[in-house]
Amino acid sequence: MTSAAGTRPTGDSGQPGGPTTNRWLLVAAALLLQFSIGAVYAWSVFSKALQESSAFDLSSVQAAIPFEVTIGMIFIGTYIGGRIQDKRGPRTVAMVGGVIYGIGVLIAGIARDADTFWLVILGYGVISGFGLGVAYIVPIAMLQKWFPDKRGLITGLAVGGFGFGAVLTSPVANWLIDRDPDVPTKAFIPLGIAYLVMSVLGASVFKNPPAGYTVGEQGTTAQASGRSAVHDYTQGEALRTPQWYLLTAILTLNVAAGISLISQAAASASDIAGYSAAAAASVVGVLAIFNGAGRVVWAAASDKLGRMKSFAAMLGLSGICLIAIPHAENAALFVALAAVIYLCYGGAFGTMPATAGDFFGVSNAGAIYGLMLIGWSIGGVVGPLVASALIGDDLNYTTAYTTIGVVALAAVVLTFVTKMPEGRPDAGSGSAETIPR
């Protein structure tokens, strides 16, 4: 007999055995891991402190280097982690990724002045960025296998934890930095220890469902043989379809649109809406909540609306709000428009894993979606570069955000030409498999 909570659990390799597994426990474990690695988005707290520190006294460009390196390394980690977890199971890969991430943060904590700033770049940037990527992809791929009946919602929750990581970490990091503002890197030591503990605790209960796993009493996600009822693509097969490239392009453009504002949020709030520096910093903290919420809200909505309709809405709303925001001199209107852009930015990360699962199946979800996250790195670099170049020294926000907004609106066309590949049923509501609700 099975229950809605799941069937017999698996070990790290996915073999059945032991007492019944509560799949919602795995969600809680995934959130714990994602809260830990999602703290990377709190870098702005350290960037400001490093610029004001007498020991480091960095320029804004120098202070941005560790975070830029981190974003660049994420794709390498997700690609490797995704391939390994599909073959070896989620527990080991998530633990290794979390430990690498925590160790990188601890290494960054050794730096004490500008001469040792390279340790922050190496630790926080290279090592932590790689570990983050390895760990990030695991709960997304794993939970899709446990929740085929709620694929959009569950991947939204998985990456929502990542989005909220900075919201939880920022005040703690601020408090730690204030204890010794001249050497803000000391804060990395207790944070790194906390990240290690959270990552290991979360990853320790990760497992894949057993062969023949079922949800409810009628809907099945796999046959007793363990093979999907419809064809699941390998990574190589997915890369030979135009759909993989279309989905990656949609992700890239959605990321580029949102992060163009995120990278300039504090300055935009001050220059456009007249916020003071302190108030602009508070606005950025509030907007981070919408980044996390968007991952859950849009992912859940895509289960009902359909994946492509949801992406069309995200790109369309982002484009409209970007075009409007340079003219939002009213403080409340500025926040409202920015909140929508943040929601749509986060929404792509919540919805695309489920979309990839719909299009290509979940058997190789780690490898297929892990490689698709190259769009995160490309969009995360191109968006801020284009925004800063167009804004320029004369603070031309209208040209910058209007240009990016028009590109986002044009990208809506991609959602109409992206169709389910052969071998996968038309999802209708967005789910690739027919599961009784």
Protein backbone atom coordinates (compact mmCIF):
# COMPACT_ATOMS: atom_id res chain seq x y z
CA MET A 1 0.00 0.00 0.00
CA THR A 2 1.15 3.51 -0.73
CA SER A 3 0.09 6.83 0.65
CA ALA A 4 0.10 10.35 -0.63
CA ALA A 5 3.21 10.89 1.40
CA GLY A 6 5.10 8.37 -0.70
CA THR A 7 6.15 4.74 -0.73
CA ARG A 8 9.12 2.84 0.51
CA PRO A 9 12.16 5.11 0.76
CA THR A 10 15.46 4.74 -0.99
CA GLY A 11 19.03 4.99 -0.01
CA ASP A 12 21.34 7.41 -1.76
CA SER A 13 21.34 5.15 -4.78
CA GLY A 14 17.55 5.07 -4.97
CA GLN A 15 16.95 1.51 -3.79
CA PRO A 16 13.87 0.79 -1.67
CA GLY A 17 13.95 -0.30 1.93
CA GLY A 18 13.12 0.87 5.43
CA PRO A 19 10.06 2.67 6.81
CA THR A 20 7.74 4.90 4.79
CA THR A 21 9.30 8.17 3.65
CA ASN A 22 7.45 11.42 4.23
CA ARG A 23 8.28 13.41 1.12
CA TRP A 24 7.55 16.72 2.87
CA LEU A 25 10.46 16.02 5.22
CA LEU A 26 12.66 16.10 2.12
CA VAL A 27 11.21 19.52 1.26
CA ALA A 28 12.18 20.83 4.70
CA ALA A 29 15.67 19.38 4.30
CA ALA A 30 16.00 20.96 0.85
CA LEU A 31 14.97 24.36 2.23
CA LEU A 32 17.62 24.09 4.97
CA LEU A 33 20.30 23.48 2.36
CA GLN A 34 19.00 26.23 0.08
CA PHE A 35 18.81 28.79 2.91
CA SER A 36 22.49 28.10 3.50
CA ILE A 37 23.80 28.45 -0.05
CA GLY A 38 21.30 31.23 -0.89
CA ALA A 39 23.13 33.46 1.58
CA VAL A 40 25.45 34.26 -1.33
CA TYR A 41 22.97 36.96 -2.39
CA ALA A 42 23.82 38.86 0.82
CA TRP A 43 27.16 39.86 -0.72
CA SER A 44 26.10 43.51 -0.97
CA VAL A 45 26.40 43.70 2.83
CA PHE A 46 30.06 42.67 2.61
CA SER A 47 30.72 44.77 -0.49
CA LYS A 48 29.72 47.93 1.35
CA ALA A 49 31.72 46.95 4.45
CA LEU A 50 34.87 46.21 2.44
CA GLN A 51 34.68 49.62 0.78
CA GLU A 52 34.32 51.37 4.15
CA SER A 53 36.92 49.25 5.96
CA SER A 54 40.23 50.92 6.81
CA ALA A 55 42.03 47.58 6.42
CA PHE A 56 40.66 46.87 2.91
CA ASP A 57 39.50 50.24 1.51
CA LEU A 58 38.33 48.71 -1.78
CA SER A 59 36.74 50.46 -4.72
CA SER A 60 33.23 49.44 -5.75
CA VAL A 61 34.66 47.55 -8.73
CA GLN A 62 37.14 45.63 -6.56
CA ALA A 63 34.46 44.82 -3.99
CA ALA A 64 32.25 43.33 -6.71
CA ILE A 65 34.86 40.83 -7.92
CA PRO A 66 34.17 37.98 -5.45
CA PHE A 67 30.44 37.98 -6.25
CA GLU A 68 31.04 38.10 -10.00
CA VAL A 69 33.42 35.14 -9.72
CA THR A 70 30.83 33.27 -7.64
CA ILE A 71 28.14 33.71 -10.31
CA GLY A 72 30.57 32.59 -12.99
CA MET A 73 31.50 29.43 -11.05
CA ILE A 74 27.89 28.39 -10.36
CA PHE A 75 27.38 27.02 -13.86
CA ILE A 76 30.48 24.82 -13.61
CA GLY A 77 29.21 23.42 -10.32
CA THR A 78 25.65 22.80 -11.53
CA TYR A 79 26.90 21.03 -14.65
CA ILE A 80 29.18 18.69 -12.72
CA GLY A 81 26.83 18.22 -9.76
CA GLY A 82 23.86 17.52 -12.00
CA ARG A 83 25.64 14.79 -13.94
CA ILE A 84 26.96 13.08 -10.82
CA GLN A 85 23.72 13.17 -8.82
CA ASP A 86 21.78 11.55 -11.67
CA LYS A 87 24.16 8.58 -11.40
CA ARG A 88 25.14 8.47 -7.71
CA GLY A 89 22.08 9.85 -5.95
CA PRO A 90 21.44 13.20 -4.27
CA ARG A 91 22.75 12.76 -0.71
CA THR A 92 26.47 12.50 -1.35
CA VAL A 93 26.53 15.20 -4.01
CA ALA A 94 24.57 17.68 -1.88
CA MET A 95 26.79 17.05 1.13
CA VAL A 96 29.97 17.52 -0.90
CA GLY A 97 28.63 20.71 -2.48
CA GLY A 98 27.54 22.13 0.87
CA VAL A 99 30.88 21.31 2.51
CA ILE A 100 32.84 22.91 -0.34
CA TYR A 101 30.65 25.99 -0.09
CA GLY A 102 31.15 26.28 3.69
CA ILE A 103 34.91 25.74 3.44
CA GLY A 104 35.14 28.47 0.81
CA VAL A 105 33.41 30.92 3.14
CA LEU A 106 35.78 29.97 5.96
CA ILE A 107 38.79 30.57 3.70
CA ALA A 108 37.41 34.03 2.90
CA GLY A 109 37.32 34.64 6.65
CA ILE A 110 41.10 34.31 6.86
CA ALA A 111 41.64 37.52 4.87
CA ARG A 112 42.55 40.47 7.09
CA ASP A 113 43.53 43.32 4.75
CA ALA A 114 43.84 44.38 1.12
CA ASP A 115 47.00 42.28 0.67
CA THR A 116 45.05 39.11 1.50
CA PHE A 117 41.89 40.06 -0.38
CA TRP A 118 42.79 37.34 -2.89
CA LEU A 119 41.66 34.85 -0.24
CA VAL A 120 38.13 36.31 -0.44
CA ILE A 121 38.17 35.94 -4.23
CA LEU A 122 39.47 32.38 -3.96
CA GLY A 123 37.27 31.31 -1.05
CA TYR A 124 33.99 33.16 -1.54
CA GLY A 125 34.32 33.39 -5.31
CA VAL A 126 35.96 30.29 -6.79
CA ILE A 127 35.48 27.64 -4.09
CA SER A 128 32.12 28.67 -2.66
CA GLY A 129 30.73 29.44 -6.12
CA PHE A 130 31.61 25.95 -7.31
CA GLY A 131 30.22 24.28 -4.18
CA LEU A 132 27.05 26.35 -4.44
CA GLY A 133 26.48 25.14 -7.99
CA VAL A 134 27.07 21.51 -7.06
CA ALA A 135 24.58 21.66 -4.19
CA TYR A 136 21.99 23.94 -5.85
CA ILE A 137 20.91 21.54 -8.58
CA VAL A 138 20.45 18.49 -6.31
CA PRO A 139 17.22 19.28 -4.38
CA ILE A 140 15.60 20.60 -7.57
CA ALA A 141 16.17 17.35 -9.46
CA MET A 142 15.37 15.17 -6.44
CA LEU A 143 12.07 16.83 -5.47
CA GLN A 144 10.72 16.67 -9.02
CA LYS A 145 10.92 12.89 -8.72
CA TRP A 146 9.05 12.88 -5.40
CA PHE A 147 6.38 15.42 -6.48
CA PRO A 148 5.34 14.79 -10.10
CA ASP A 149 1.83 15.87 -9.07
CA LYS A 150 3.08 19.28 -7.84
CA ARG A 151 6.17 19.75 -9.97
CA GLY A 152 5.87 23.53 -10.40
CA LEU A 153 5.02 24.28 -6.77
CA ILE A 154 7.71 22.01 -5.38
CA THR A 155 10.57 23.30 -7.51
CA GLY A 156 9.39 26.80 -6.62
CA LEU A 157 9.70 25.94 -2.94
CA ALA A 158 13.11 24.37 -3.50
CA VAL A 159 14.61 27.46 -5.14
CA GLY A 160 12.48 29.81 -3.02
CA GLY A 161 14.63 28.80 -0.08
CA PHE A 162 17.63 29.97 -2.07
CA GLY A 163 15.99 33.32 -2.76
CA PHE A 164 15.17 33.88 0.91
CA GLY A 165 18.70 32.97 2.05
CA ALA A 166 19.91 36.54 1.70
CA VAL A 167 16.88 37.91 3.56
CA LEU A 168 17.78 35.77 6.56
CA THR A 169 21.53 36.25 6.33
CA SER A 170 21.77 40.02 5.75
CA PRO A 171 20.80 41.17 9.28
CA VAL A 172 23.00 38.49 10.87
CA ALA A 173 25.93 39.47 8.66
CA ASN A 174 25.40 43.14 9.50
CA TRP A 175 25.45 42.35 13.22
CA LEU A 176 28.64 40.31 12.90
CA ILE A 177 30.37 42.97 10.80
CA ASP A 178 29.49 45.69 13.33
CA ARG A 179 31.49 43.79 15.97
CA ASP A 180 34.69 44.61 14.04
CA PRO A 181 33.93 46.88 11.07
CA ASP A 182 37.62 47.39 10.24
CA VAL A 183 37.93 43.67 9.41
CA PRO A 184 34.49 42.66 8.11
CA THR A 185 35.83 39.34 6.80
CA LYS A 186 35.86 37.99 10.38
CA ALA A 187 32.11 37.57 9.97
CA PHE A 188 32.74 34.80 7.46
CA ILE A 189 34.04 32.45 10.16
CA PRO A 190 30.81 31.98 12.18
CA LEU A 191 28.76 32.16 8.98
CA GLY A 192 30.88 29.47 7.32
CA ILE A 193 30.44 27.18 10.33
CA ALA A 194 26.68 27.75 10.28
CA TYR A 195 26.54 27.02 6.54
CA LEU A 196 28.44 23.77 7.02
CA VAL A 197 26.06 22.59 9.75
CA MET A 198 22.91 23.55 7.84
CA SER A 199 24.12 21.99 4.59
CA VAL A 200 25.14 18.69 6.15
CA LEU A 201 21.94 18.40 8.19
CA GLY A 202 19.76 19.09 5.17
CA ALA A 203 21.63 16.86 2.75
CA SER A 204 21.86 13.95 5.20
CA VAL A 205 18.24 12.91 4.55
CA PHE A 206 18.25 13.35 0.77
CA LYS A 207 17.25 10.31 -1.28
CA ASN A 208 15.59 9.42 -4.56
CA PRO A 209 12.20 7.64 -4.63
CA PRO A 210 12.26 3.89 -5.30
CA ALA A 211 11.53 2.27 -8.64
CA GLY A 212 7.78 2.12 -9.15
CA TYR A 213 7.15 5.07 -6.81
CA THR A 214 3.51 6.18 -6.89
CA VAL A 215 1.53 9.22 -5.77
CA GLY A 216 -2.01 8.67 -4.52
CA GLU A 217 -3.89 5.51 -5.33
CA GLN A 218 -4.17 5.89 -9.11
CA GLY A 219 -1.63 8.26 -10.60
CA THR A 220 1.77 6.73 -11.14
CA THR A 221 4.99 8.42 -12.00
CA ALA A 222 6.78 5.31 -13.18
CA GLN A 223 6.11 1.73 -14.04
CA ALA A 224 7.20 -1.08 -11.76
CA SER A 225 10.24 -1.55 -13.98
CA GLY A 226 11.34 1.92 -12.93
CA ARG A 227 11.02 3.33 -16.47
CA SER A 228 8.88 6.36 -17.12
CA ALA A 229 5.57 5.88 -18.90
CA VAL A 230 6.84 8.34 -21.54
CA HIS A 231 10.29 8.79 -22.98
CA ASP A 232 12.83 10.52 -20.72
CA TYR A 233 15.62 12.24 -22.62
CA THR A 234 19.29 11.82 -21.91
CA GLN A 235 21.40 14.96 -21.79
CA GLY A 236 22.73 14.26 -25.28
CA GLU A 237 19.24 13.77 -26.68
CA ALA A 238 18.00 16.98 -25.05
CA LEU A 239 20.89 18.94 -26.55
CA ARG A 240 19.90 17.72 -30.01
CA THR A 241 16.47 19.33 -29.70
CA PRO A 242 15.70 22.99 -30.49
CA GLN A 243 13.57 23.09 -27.33
CA TRP A 244 16.61 22.93 -25.05
CA TYR A 245 18.10 26.03 -26.68
CA LEU A 246 14.77 27.87 -26.72
CA LEU A 247 14.22 27.21 -23.00
CA THR A 248 17.80 28.28 -22.21
CA ALA A 249 17.27 31.49 -24.21
CA ILE A 250 14.04 32.22 -22.30
CA LEU A 251 15.85 31.70 -18.98
CA THR A 252 18.80 33.85 -20.07
CA LEU A 253 16.66 36.78 -21.21
CA ASN A 254 14.42 36.65 -18.13
CA VAL A 255 17.49 36.65 -15.87
CA ALA A 256 19.15 39.48 -17.81
CA ALA A 257 16.01 41.63 -17.58
CA GLY A 258 15.57 41.21 -13.85
CA ILE A 259 19.19 41.39 -12.79
CA SER A 260 19.72 44.59 -14.78
CA LEU A 261 17.57 46.32 -12.16
CA ILE A 262 18.78 44.21 -9.23
CA SER A 263 22.39 45.22 -9.96
CA GLN A 264 21.38 48.91 -9.88
CA ALA A 265 18.54 48.75 -7.36
CA ALA A 266 19.98 50.95 -4.59
CA ALA A 267 21.28 53.61 -6.98
CA SER A 268 18.04 53.56 -8.98
CA ALA A 269 15.95 54.02 -5.84
CA SER A 270 18.01 57.09 -4.90
CA ASP A 271 18.39 58.66 -8.34
CA ILE A 272 14.89 57.98 -9.69
CA ALA A 273 12.61 58.03 -6.64
CA GLY A 274 14.68 60.22 -4.33
CA TYR A 275 15.34 57.72 -1.53
CA SER A 276 18.16 58.51 0.87
CA ALA A 277 21.10 56.09 0.88
CA ALA A 278 19.87 54.42 4.07
CA ALA A 279 16.30 54.15 2.80
CA ALA A 280 17.49 52.76 -0.55
CA ALA A 281 19.40 50.03 1.30
CA SER A 282 16.23 49.13 3.19
CA VAL A 283 14.27 49.03 -0.07
CA VAL A 284 16.77 46.57 -1.51
CA GLY A 285 16.28 44.32 1.51
CA VAL A 286 12.50 44.42 1.13
CA LEU A 287 12.72 43.69 -2.59
CA ALA A 288 14.81 40.58 -1.89
CA ILE A 289 11.68 39.10 -0.31
CA PHE A 290 9.93 39.37 -3.69
CA ASN A 291 12.83 37.56 -5.34
CA GLY A 292 12.23 34.59 -3.05
CA ALA A 293 8.45 34.81 -3.20
CA GLY A 294 8.45 34.92 -7.00
CA ARG A 295 10.08 31.50 -7.14
CA VAL A 296 7.15 29.97 -5.29
CA VAL A 297 4.31 32.08 -6.67
CA TRP A 298 5.14 31.76 -10.37
CA ALA A 299 6.09 28.10 -10.10
CA ALA A 300 2.76 27.26 -8.46
CA ALA A 301 0.89 29.44 -10.96
CA SER A 302 2.56 27.63 -13.86
CA ASP A 303 0.94 24.37 -12.72
CA LYS A 304 -2.42 25.99 -13.49
CA LEU A 305 -1.65 28.47 -16.29
CA GLY A 306 0.87 26.37 -18.20
CA ARG A 307 4.63 26.90 -18.34
CA MET A 308 4.89 28.95 -21.55
CA LYS A 309 1.98 31.21 -20.62
CA SER A 310 3.70 31.86 -17.30
CA PHE A 311 7.01 32.75 -18.96
CA ALA A 312 5.18 35.01 -21.42
CA ALA A 313 3.62 36.81 -18.45
CA MET A 314 6.94 37.10 -16.62
CA LEU A 315 8.80 38.53 -19.61
CA GLY A 316 5.89 40.80 -20.52
CA LEU A 317 5.48 42.21 -17.02
CA SER A 318 9.24 42.66 -16.62
CA GLY A 319 9.42 44.54 -19.91
CA ILE A 320 6.50 46.85 -19.10
CA CYS A 321 7.76 47.62 -15.60
CA LEU A 322 11.33 48.25 -16.81
CA ILE A 323 10.06 50.74 -19.37
CA ALA A 324 7.94 52.47 -16.72
CA ILE A 325 10.34 52.53 -13.77
CA PRO A 326 12.62 55.41 -14.94
CA HIS A 327 9.54 57.64 -14.74
CA ALA A 328 8.47 56.44 -11.25
CA GLU A 329 9.42 59.50 -9.24
CA ASN A 330 6.82 58.54 -6.64
CA ALA A 331 8.57 56.39 -4.00
CA ALA A 332 5.69 53.92 -3.59
CA LEU A 333 5.27 53.48 -7.35
CA PHE A 334 8.98 52.77 -7.72
CA VAL A 335 8.83 49.99 -5.13
CA ALA A 336 5.69 48.51 -6.70
CA LEU A 337 7.26 48.33 -10.17
CA ALA A 338 10.54 47.01 -8.80
CA ALA A 339 8.70 44.36 -6.76
CA VAL A 340 7.04 43.02 -9.93
CA ILE A 341 10.43 42.82 -11.68
CA TYR A 342 11.93 40.96 -8.71
CA LEU A 343 8.95 38.58 -8.64
CA CYS A 344 9.41 37.76 -12.31
CA TYR A 345 13.18 37.39 -11.93
CA GLY A 346 12.75 34.85 -9.14
CA GLY A 347 9.87 33.22 -11.00
CA ALA A 348 12.13 32.01 -13.80
CA PHE A 349 14.24 30.01 -11.35
CA GLY A 350 11.14 28.48 -9.80
CA THR A 351 9.40 27.62 -13.06
CA MET A 352 12.19 26.53 -15.42
CA PRO A 353 13.18 23.34 -13.52
CA ALA A 354 9.59 22.08 -13.78
CA THR A 355 9.48 23.13 -17.43
CA ALA A 356 12.64 21.18 -18.20
CA GLY A 357 11.12 18.19 -16.40
CA ASP A 358 7.97 18.48 -18.51
CA PHE A 359 9.91 18.68 -21.76
CA PHE A 360 12.63 16.11 -21.14
CA GLY A 361 11.54 13.98 -18.17
CA VAL A 362 13.08 13.80 -14.71
CA SER A 363 15.38 10.78 -15.00
CA ASN A 364 18.28 13.02 -16.10
CA ALA A 365 16.94 16.29 -14.73
CA GLY A 366 20.14 17.14 -12.89
CA ALA A 367 22.33 17.00 -15.99
CA ILE A 368 19.82 18.60 -18.37
CA TYR A 369 18.74 21.49 -16.16
CA GLY A 370 22.23 21.84 -14.66
CA LEU A 371 23.60 22.59 -18.12
CA MET A 372 20.65 24.90 -18.85
CA LEU A 373 21.79 27.11 -15.96
CA ILE A 374 24.45 28.52 -18.25
CA GLY A 375 21.65 31.02 -18.88
CA TRP A 376 22.01 32.17 -15.26
CA SER A 377 25.70 32.93 -15.76
CA ILE A 378 25.24 34.58 -19.16
CA GLY A 379 22.23 36.66 -18.12
CA GLY A 380 23.84 37.47 -14.78
CA VAL A 381 26.87 38.97 -16.49
CA VAL A 382 25.30 40.55 -19.58
CA GLY A 383 22.35 42.22 -17.83
CA PRO A 384 24.40 44.28 -15.35
CA LEU A 385 27.03 45.13 -17.98
CA VAL A 386 24.43 46.45 -20.44
CA ALA A 387 22.58 48.34 -17.71
CA SER A 388 25.70 50.04 -16.33
CA ALA A 389 27.00 50.89 -19.81
CA LEU A 390 23.72 52.49 -20.92
CA ILE A 391 23.13 54.32 -17.64
CA GLY A 392 26.62 55.80 -17.85
CA ASP A 393 27.97 58.77 -15.94
CA ASP A 394 25.00 60.92 -16.94
CA LEU A 395 22.58 58.52 -15.18
CA ASN A 396 20.48 57.84 -18.26
CA TYR A 397 18.12 55.34 -16.67
CA THR A 398 15.44 55.91 -19.31
CA THR A 399 17.64 54.69 -22.17
CA ALA A 400 18.98 51.75 -20.17
CA TYR A 401 15.77 50.34 -18.76
CA THR A 402 13.71 51.11 -21.88
CA THR A 403 16.19 49.21 -24.07
CA ILE A 404 16.23 46.20 -21.75
CA GLY A 405 12.46 46.35 -21.35
CA VAL A 406 11.92 46.25 -25.11
CA VAL A 407 14.21 43.21 -25.38
CA ALA A 408 12.18 41.46 -22.66
CA LEU A 409 8.93 42.21 -24.49
CA ALA A 410 10.40 40.91 -27.76
CA ALA A 411 11.46 37.72 -25.97
CA VAL A 412 7.79 36.89 -25.34
CA VAL A 413 7.75 35.60 -28.94
CA LEU A 414 9.99 32.70 -27.85
CA THR A 415 7.27 31.38 -25.55
CA PHE A 416 4.87 31.01 -28.50
CA VAL A 417 7.29 29.05 -30.70
CA THR A 418 8.51 26.71 -27.94
CA LYS A 419 6.52 23.48 -28.15
CA MET A 420 6.79 20.15 -26.32
CA PRO A 421 9.27 17.81 -28.07
CA GLU A 422 8.19 14.57 -29.66
CA GLY A 423 7.88 11.73 -27.19
CA ARG A 424 6.42 13.96 -24.48
CA PRO A 425 2.65 14.56 -24.16
CA ASP A 426 1.22 18.06 -24.40
CA ALA A 427 1.16 19.30 -20.80
CA GLY A 428 -1.92 21.46 -21.06
CA SER A 429 -1.77 22.84 -17.53
CA GLY A 430 1.98 22.60 -17.52
CA SER A 431 2.50 19.10 -16.19
CA ALA A 432 4.04 16.56 -18.51
CA GLU A 433 2.27 13.61 -16.97
CA THR A 434 -1.38 13.02 -16.16
CA ILE A 435 -1.64 12.82 -12.39
CA PRO A 436 -5.00 12.92 -10.62
CA ARG A 437 -5.22 16.17 -8.67
